[in-house]
Amino acid sequence: MKKTVKLFKSLSDETRLRILVLLLEHGELCICDLMTSLEQPQSTVSRHVAYLKNSGWLQDRRGGVWMYYSIRPGLSGLFIELSALVRSRCSELPECAADRERLLAYKREKNCI
């Protein structure tokens, strides 16, 4: 039961939901991508990403000076059900749509797309 409670708590914050939506839609992103998309400082984004990682949602890898995050492969059970729900219900919210637009503009600027 404690793991289930921790999982639901990880979804109880707007910033964490927005991060999950971005990662579910765009795959691996670095902290700089998330900072730009969310318009939040590195410390805030890193704290929320760490919470999601400790809850079992994310994996990370270091690439130079940046950390890159993605949805942990092999999620099962409740994680899969909740990720589908988060993606379908949250991705069209105005905040998430704005995050997506900022990310795409940032990637165009960096010539990533």
C-alpha atoms as a PDB file:
ATOM      1  CA  MET A   1       0.000   0.000   0.000  1.00  0.00           C
ATOM      2  CA  LYS A   2       2.867   2.419   0.763  1.00  0.00           C
ATOM      3  CA  LYS A   3       4.153   2.192  -2.824  1.00  0.00           C
ATOM      4  CA  THR A   4       0.689   2.999  -4.152  1.00  0.00           C
ATOM      5  CA  VAL A   5       0.369   6.001  -1.848  1.00  0.00           C
ATOM      6  CA  LYS A   6       3.818   7.239  -2.946  1.00  0.00           C
ATOM      7  CA  LEU A   7       2.808   6.844  -6.579  1.00  0.00           C
ATOM      8  CA  PHE A   8      -0.362   8.879  -6.132  1.00  0.00           C
ATOM      9  CA  LYS A   9       1.499  11.533  -4.130  1.00  0.00           C
ATOM     10  CA  SER A  10       3.927  11.901  -7.020  1.00  0.00           C
ATOM     11  CA  LEU A  11       0.985  13.021  -9.179  1.00  0.00           C
ATOM     12  CA  SER A  12      -0.372  15.484  -6.635  1.00  0.00           C
ATOM     13  CA  ASP A  13       1.636  18.465  -7.888  1.00  0.00           C
ATOM     14  CA  GLU A  14       0.985  20.548 -11.012  1.00  0.00           C
ATOM     15  CA  THR A  15       4.661  20.855 -11.916  1.00  0.00           C
ATOM     16  CA  ARG A  16       5.231  17.108 -11.676  1.00  0.00           C
ATOM     17  CA  LEU A  17       2.186  16.430 -13.872  1.00  0.00           C
ATOM     18  CA  ARG A  18       3.458  18.933 -16.442  1.00  0.00           C
ATOM     19  CA  ILE A  19       6.891  17.253 -16.419  1.00  0.00           C
ATOM     20  CA  LEU A  20       5.318  13.835 -16.928  1.00  0.00           C
ATOM     21  CA  VAL A  21       3.205  15.077 -19.833  1.00  0.00           C
ATOM     22  CA  LEU A  22       6.279  16.540 -21.546  1.00  0.00           C
ATOM     23  CA  LEU A  23       8.276  13.349 -21.079  1.00  0.00           C
ATOM     24  CA  LEU A  24       5.388  11.124 -22.171  1.00  0.00           C
ATOM     25  CA  GLU A  25       4.964  13.200 -25.337  1.00  0.00           C
ATOM     26  CA  HIS A  26       8.593  13.972 -26.217  1.00  0.00           C
ATOM     27  CA  GLY A  27      10.684  11.169 -24.765  1.00  0.00           C
ATOM     28  CA  GLU A  28      14.032  12.088 -23.251  1.00  0.00           C
ATOM     29  CA  LEU A  29      14.525  15.717 -22.241  1.00  0.00           C
ATOM     30  CA  CYS A  30      17.320  17.506 -20.433  1.00  0.00           C
ATOM     31  CA  ILE A  31      16.812  19.770 -17.467  1.00  0.00           C
ATOM     32  CA  CYS A  32      17.374  22.795 -19.728  1.00  0.00           C
ATOM     33  CA  ASP A  33      14.457  21.673 -21.932  1.00  0.00           C
ATOM     34  CA  LEU A  34      12.207  21.267 -18.905  1.00  0.00           C
ATOM     35  CA  MET A  35      13.296  24.602 -17.382  1.00  0.00           C
ATOM     36  CA  THR A  36      12.459  26.443 -20.600  1.00  0.00           C
ATOM     37  CA  SER A  37       9.156  24.638 -21.132  1.00  0.00           C
ATOM     38  CA  LEU A  38       7.950  25.149 -17.580  1.00  0.00           C
ATOM     39  CA  GLU A  39       9.478  28.615 -17.165  1.00  0.00           C
ATOM     40  CA  GLN A  40      10.861  27.566 -13.795  1.00  0.00           C
ATOM     41  CA  PRO A  41      14.369  27.671 -12.313  1.00  0.00           C
ATOM     42  CA  GLN A  42      16.706  24.707 -12.367  1.00  0.00           C
ATOM     43  CA  SER A  43      16.390  24.104  -8.627  1.00  0.00           C
ATOM     44  CA  THR A  44      12.606  23.779  -8.824  1.00  0.00           C
ATOM     45  CA  VAL A  45      12.630  21.516 -11.863  1.00  0.00           C
ATOM     46  CA  SER A  46      15.392  19.342 -10.412  1.00  0.00           C
ATOM     47  CA  ARG A  47      13.521  18.916  -7.140  1.00  0.00           C
ATOM     48  CA  HIS A  48      10.361  17.763  -8.921  1.00  0.00           C
ATOM     49  CA  VAL A  49      12.274  15.486 -11.283  1.00  0.00           C
ATOM     50  CA  ALA A  50      14.026  13.895  -8.292  1.00  0.00           C
ATOM     51  CA  TYR A  51      10.639  13.271  -6.675  1.00  0.00           C
ATOM     52  CA  LEU A  52       9.372  11.575  -9.848  1.00  0.00           C
ATOM     53  CA  LYS A  53      12.550   9.521 -10.128  1.00  0.00           C
ATOM     54  CA  ASN A  54      12.335   8.391  -6.500  1.00  0.00           C
ATOM     55  CA  SER A  55       8.697   7.453  -7.069  1.00  0.00           C
ATOM     56  CA  GLY A  56       9.711   5.106  -9.883  1.00  0.00           C
ATOM     57  CA  TRP A  57       8.542   7.140 -12.881  1.00  0.00           C
ATOM     58  CA  LEU A  58      11.850   8.244 -14.381  1.00  0.00           C
ATOM     59  CA  GLN A  59      15.335   7.183 -15.293  1.00  0.00           C
ATOM     60  CA  ASP A  60      18.247   9.515 -15.867  1.00  0.00           C
ATOM     61  CA  ARG A  61      21.564   9.703 -17.657  1.00  0.00           C
ATOM     62  CA  ARG A  62      24.336  12.253 -17.652  1.00  0.00           C
ATOM     63  CA  GLY A  63      25.331  13.887 -20.917  1.00  0.00           C
ATOM     64  CA  GLY A  64      28.145  16.364 -20.391  1.00  0.00           C
ATOM     65  CA  VAL A  65      27.011  18.950 -17.856  1.00  0.00           C
ATOM     66  CA  TRP A  66      23.292  18.145 -18.250  1.00  0.00           C
ATOM     67  CA  MET A  67      21.118  15.411 -16.858  1.00  0.00           C
ATOM     68  CA  TYR A  68      18.629  13.824 -19.234  1.00  0.00           C
ATOM     69  CA  TYR A  69      15.396  12.261 -18.042  1.00  0.00           C
ATOM     70  CA  SER A  70      12.915   9.887 -19.597  1.00  0.00           C
ATOM     71  CA  ILE A  71      10.069   7.652 -18.529  1.00  0.00           C
ATOM     72  CA  ARG A  72      11.516   4.500 -17.018  1.00  0.00           C
ATOM     73  CA  PRO A  73      11.182   1.615 -19.477  1.00  0.00           C
ATOM     74  CA  GLY A  74       9.279  -1.435 -18.381  1.00  0.00           C
ATOM     75  CA  LEU A  75       6.683   0.357 -16.278  1.00  0.00           C
ATOM     76  CA  SER A  76       3.914  -2.007 -15.348  1.00  0.00           C
ATOM     77  CA  GLY A  77       0.536  -2.184 -13.720  1.00  0.00           C
ATOM     78  CA  LEU A  78      -0.655   1.005 -12.127  1.00  0.00           C
ATOM     79  CA  PHE A  79       2.182   3.067 -13.675  1.00  0.00           C
ATOM     80  CA  ILE A  80       0.957   2.219 -17.184  1.00  0.00           C
ATOM     81  CA  GLU A  81      -2.657   2.937 -16.340  1.00  0.00           C
ATOM     82  CA  LEU A  82      -1.816   6.261 -14.701  1.00  0.00           C
ATOM     83  CA  SER A  83       0.570   7.347 -17.463  1.00  0.00           C
ATOM     84  CA  ALA A  84      -2.156   6.777 -20.056  1.00  0.00           C
ATOM     85  CA  LEU A  85      -4.604   8.736 -17.916  1.00  0.00           C
ATOM     86  CA  VAL A  86      -2.143  11.595 -17.340  1.00  0.00           C
ATOM     87  CA  ARG A  87      -1.341  11.812 -21.035  1.00  0.00           C
ATOM     88  CA  SER A  88      -4.942  11.702 -22.218  1.00  0.00           C
ATOM     89  CA  ARG A  89      -6.415  14.027 -19.578  1.00  0.00           C
ATOM     90  CA  CYS A  90      -3.617  16.523 -19.006  1.00  0.00           C
ATOM     91  CA  SER A  91      -1.945  16.974 -22.376  1.00  0.00           C
ATOM     92  CA  GLU A  92      -4.667  19.273 -23.696  1.00  0.00           C
ATOM     93  CA  LEU A  93      -4.889  21.469 -20.615  1.00  0.00           C
ATOM     94  CA  PRO A  94      -3.889  25.064 -21.406  1.00  0.00           C
ATOM     95  CA  GLU A  95      -0.779  24.875 -19.196  1.00  0.00           C
ATOM     96  CA  CYS A  96       0.465  21.710 -20.894  1.00  0.00           C
ATOM     97  CA  ALA A  97      -0.286  23.068 -24.363  1.00  0.00           C
ATOM     98  CA  ALA A  98       1.749  26.194 -23.513  1.00  0.00           C
ATOM     99  CA  ASP A  99       4.600  24.009 -22.172  1.00  0.00           C
ATOM    100  CA  ARG A 100       4.590  22.039 -25.420  1.00  0.00           C
ATOM    101  CA  GLU A 101       4.713  25.215 -27.526  1.00  0.00           C
ATOM    102  CA  ARG A 102       7.612  26.638 -25.493  1.00  0.00           C
ATOM    103  CA  LEU A 103       9.502  23.341 -25.828  1.00  0.00           C
ATOM    104  CA  LEU A 104       8.992  23.193 -29.588  1.00  0.00           C
ATOM    105  CA  ALA A 105      10.051  26.836 -30.002  1.00  0.00           C
ATOM    106  CA  TYR A 106      13.137  26.215 -27.865  1.00  0.00           C
ATOM    107  CA  LYS A 107      14.079  23.123 -29.879  1.00  0.00           C
ATOM    108  CA  ARG A 108      13.596  25.001 -33.166  1.00  0.00           C
ATOM    109  CA  GLU A 109      15.872  27.729 -31.831  1.00  0.00           C
ATOM    110  CA  LYS A 110      18.500  25.122 -30.920  1.00  0.00           C
ATOM    111  CA  ASN A 111      18.012  23.452 -34.338  1.00  0.00           C
ATOM    112  CA  CYS A 112      16.979  20.211 -32.661  1.00  0.00           C
ATOM    113  CA  ILE A 113      13.910  19.721 -34.855  1.00  0.00           C
END
